[in-house]
Amino acid sequence: MRQSAYLVDQLIVRVREALALVAAELDDGPLAGPPGNLVPRAAASALRDLSAMIGVVTSTNSLAVLDAVWFGLLEASDGVSACLASGEDA
């Protein structure tokens, strides 16, 4: 059981690191695109926020916090999907 918990913790750390790396690439790296394109920068900000939320959830060890974050992510995902489907800016 301890080994499984350790592996899950390590996975969470790696996911947060990956989110930070992708956010950096979207801000200043080759994925940033032209300076006037704000979509990659908005996506980078969302990834940094997601990383921070994961950090909050793992530090609190609270099921209620996890449920709230999950609900927020679902709502945000639905909003982005609706925006993309309509062709409007986010």
C-alpha atoms as a PDB file:
ATOM      1  CA  MET A   1       0.000   0.000   0.000  1.00  0.00           C
ATOM      2  CA  ARG A   2       2.800   2.438   0.866  1.00  0.00           C
ATOM      3  CA  GLN A   3       4.552   1.695  -2.416  1.00  0.00           C
ATOM      4  CA  SER A   4       1.345   2.427  -4.346  1.00  0.00           C
ATOM      5  CA  ALA A   5       0.842   5.713  -2.491  1.00  0.00           C
ATOM      6  CA  TYR A   6       4.449   6.675  -3.202  1.00  0.00           C
ATOM      7  CA  LEU A   7       4.032   5.904  -6.909  1.00  0.00           C
ATOM      8  CA  VAL A   8       0.841   7.967  -7.098  1.00  0.00           C
ATOM      9  CA  ASP A   9       2.605  10.870  -5.375  1.00  0.00           C
ATOM     10  CA  GLN A  10       5.465  10.642  -7.859  1.00  0.00           C
ATOM     11  CA  LEU A  11       3.005  10.570 -10.758  1.00  0.00           C
ATOM     12  CA  ILE A  12       1.319  13.721  -9.447  1.00  0.00           C
ATOM     13  CA  VAL A  13       4.691  15.465  -9.142  1.00  0.00           C
ATOM     14  CA  ARG A  14       5.570  14.500 -12.720  1.00  0.00           C
ATOM     15  CA  VAL A  15       2.205  15.692 -14.029  1.00  0.00           C
ATOM     16  CA  ARG A  16       2.657  19.069 -12.338  1.00  0.00           C
ATOM     17  CA  GLU A  17       6.167  19.360 -13.804  1.00  0.00           C
ATOM     18  CA  ALA A  18       4.841  18.504 -17.269  1.00  0.00           C
ATOM     19  CA  LEU A  19       2.103  21.114 -16.980  1.00  0.00           C
ATOM     20  CA  ALA A  20       4.696  23.739 -16.034  1.00  0.00           C
ATOM     21  CA  LEU A  21       6.916  22.776 -18.978  1.00  0.00           C
ATOM     22  CA  VAL A  22       4.076  22.945 -21.483  1.00  0.00           C
ATOM     23  CA  ALA A  23       2.968  26.298 -20.051  1.00  0.00           C
ATOM     24  CA  ALA A  24       6.495  27.648 -20.524  1.00  0.00           C
ATOM     25  CA  GLU A  25       6.558  26.421 -24.124  1.00  0.00           C
ATOM     26  CA  LEU A  26       3.210  28.085 -24.790  1.00  0.00           C
ATOM     27  CA  ASP A  27       4.416  31.360 -23.276  1.00  0.00           C
ATOM     28  CA  ASP A  28       7.897  31.733 -24.719  1.00  0.00           C
ATOM     29  CA  GLY A  29       8.747  28.632 -26.714  1.00  0.00           C
ATOM     30  CA  PRO A  30       8.019  27.406 -30.209  1.00  0.00           C
ATOM     31  CA  LEU A  31       4.361  26.783 -29.365  1.00  0.00           C
ATOM     32  CA  ALA A  32       3.748  30.461 -28.542  1.00  0.00           C
ATOM     33  CA  GLY A  33       3.030  31.499 -32.109  1.00  0.00           C
ATOM     34  CA  PRO A  34       2.956  35.122 -33.238  1.00  0.00           C
ATOM     35  CA  PRO A  35       3.002  37.837 -30.533  1.00  0.00           C
ATOM     36  CA  GLY A  36      -0.585  38.916 -31.228  1.00  0.00           C
ATOM     37  CA  ASN A  37      -2.020  35.425 -30.721  1.00  0.00           C
ATOM     38  CA  LEU A  38      -3.302  35.275 -27.161  1.00  0.00           C
ATOM     39  CA  VAL A  39      -4.693  31.731 -27.344  1.00  0.00           C
ATOM     40  CA  PRO A  40      -1.398  29.971 -26.463  1.00  0.00           C
ATOM     41  CA  ARG A  41      -0.826  32.373 -23.575  1.00  0.00           C
ATOM     42  CA  ALA A  42      -4.348  31.810 -22.281  1.00  0.00           C
ATOM     43  CA  ALA A  43      -3.805  28.054 -22.506  1.00  0.00           C
ATOM     44  CA  ALA A  44      -0.499  28.439 -20.638  1.00  0.00           C
ATOM     45  CA  SER A  45      -2.262  30.350 -17.890  1.00  0.00           C
ATOM     46  CA  ALA A  46      -4.930  27.648 -17.632  1.00  0.00           C
ATOM     47  CA  LEU A  47      -2.249  24.946 -17.366  1.00  0.00           C
ATOM     48  CA  ARG A  48      -0.482  26.855 -14.589  1.00  0.00           C
ATOM     49  CA  ASP A  49      -3.814  27.219 -12.779  1.00  0.00           C
ATOM     50  CA  LEU A  50      -4.477  23.502 -13.175  1.00  0.00           C
ATOM     51  CA  SER A  51      -1.052  22.715 -11.754  1.00  0.00           C
ATOM     52  CA  ALA A  52      -1.754  24.972  -8.787  1.00  0.00           C
ATOM     53  CA  MET A  53      -5.145  23.345  -8.191  1.00  0.00           C
ATOM     54  CA  ILE A  54      -3.534  19.905  -8.225  1.00  0.00           C
ATOM     55  CA  GLY A  55      -1.072  21.198  -5.631  1.00  0.00           C
ATOM     56  CA  VAL A  56      -3.897  22.461  -3.425  1.00  0.00           C
ATOM     57  CA  VAL A  57      -5.791  19.192  -3.652  1.00  0.00           C
ATOM     58  CA  THR A  58      -2.758  17.088  -2.824  1.00  0.00           C
ATOM     59  CA  SER A  59      -1.733  19.308   0.088  1.00  0.00           C
ATOM     60  CA  THR A  60      -5.171  19.363   1.695  1.00  0.00           C
ATOM     61  CA  ASN A  61      -5.939  15.650   1.272  1.00  0.00           C
ATOM     62  CA  SER A  62      -9.594  16.637   1.282  1.00  0.00           C
ATOM     63  CA  LEU A  63     -12.254  14.862  -0.710  1.00  0.00           C
ATOM     64  CA  ALA A  64     -14.462  17.976  -0.629  1.00  0.00           C
ATOM     65  CA  VAL A  65     -11.679  20.050  -2.226  1.00  0.00           C
ATOM     66  CA  LEU A  66     -11.126  17.365  -4.844  1.00  0.00           C
ATOM     67  CA  ASP A  67     -14.847  17.355  -5.684  1.00  0.00           C
ATOM     68  CA  ALA A  68     -14.900  21.155  -5.974  1.00  0.00           C
ATOM     69  CA  VAL A  69     -11.867  21.195  -8.270  1.00  0.00           C
ATOM     70  CA  TRP A  70     -13.316  18.387 -10.379  1.00  0.00           C
ATOM     71  CA  PHE A  71     -16.605  20.268 -10.766  1.00  0.00           C
ATOM     72  CA  GLY A  72     -14.751  23.466 -11.678  1.00  0.00           C
ATOM     73  CA  LEU A  73     -12.690  21.668 -14.303  1.00  0.00           C
ATOM     74  CA  LEU A  74     -15.800  20.109 -15.829  1.00  0.00           C
ATOM     75  CA  GLU A  75     -17.529  23.497 -16.000  1.00  0.00           C
ATOM     76  CA  ALA A  76     -14.452  25.127 -17.533  1.00  0.00           C
ATOM     77  CA  SER A  77     -14.126  22.313 -20.059  1.00  0.00           C
ATOM     78  CA  ASP A  78     -17.775  22.664 -21.062  1.00  0.00           C
ATOM     79  CA  GLY A  79     -17.319  26.422 -21.491  1.00  0.00           C
ATOM     80  CA  VAL A  80     -14.237  26.013 -23.679  1.00  0.00           C
ATOM     81  CA  SER A  81     -15.927  23.313 -25.753  1.00  0.00           C
ATOM     82  CA  ALA A  82     -18.989  25.501 -26.319  1.00  0.00           C
ATOM     83  CA  CYS A  83     -16.756  28.429 -27.258  1.00  0.00           C
ATOM     84  CA  LEU A  84     -14.788  26.337 -29.753  1.00  0.00           C
ATOM     85  CA  ALA A  85     -17.961  24.916 -31.257  1.00  0.00           C
ATOM     86  CA  SER A  86     -19.396  28.398 -31.809  1.00  0.00           C
ATOM     87  CA  GLY A  87     -16.138  29.743 -33.247  1.00  0.00           C
ATOM     88  CA  GLU A  88     -15.982  32.622 -30.746  1.00  0.00           C
ATOM     89  CA  ASP A  89     -12.983  33.781 -28.723  1.00  0.00           C
ATOM     90  CA  ALA A  90     -12.740  32.432 -25.177  1.00  0.00           C
END
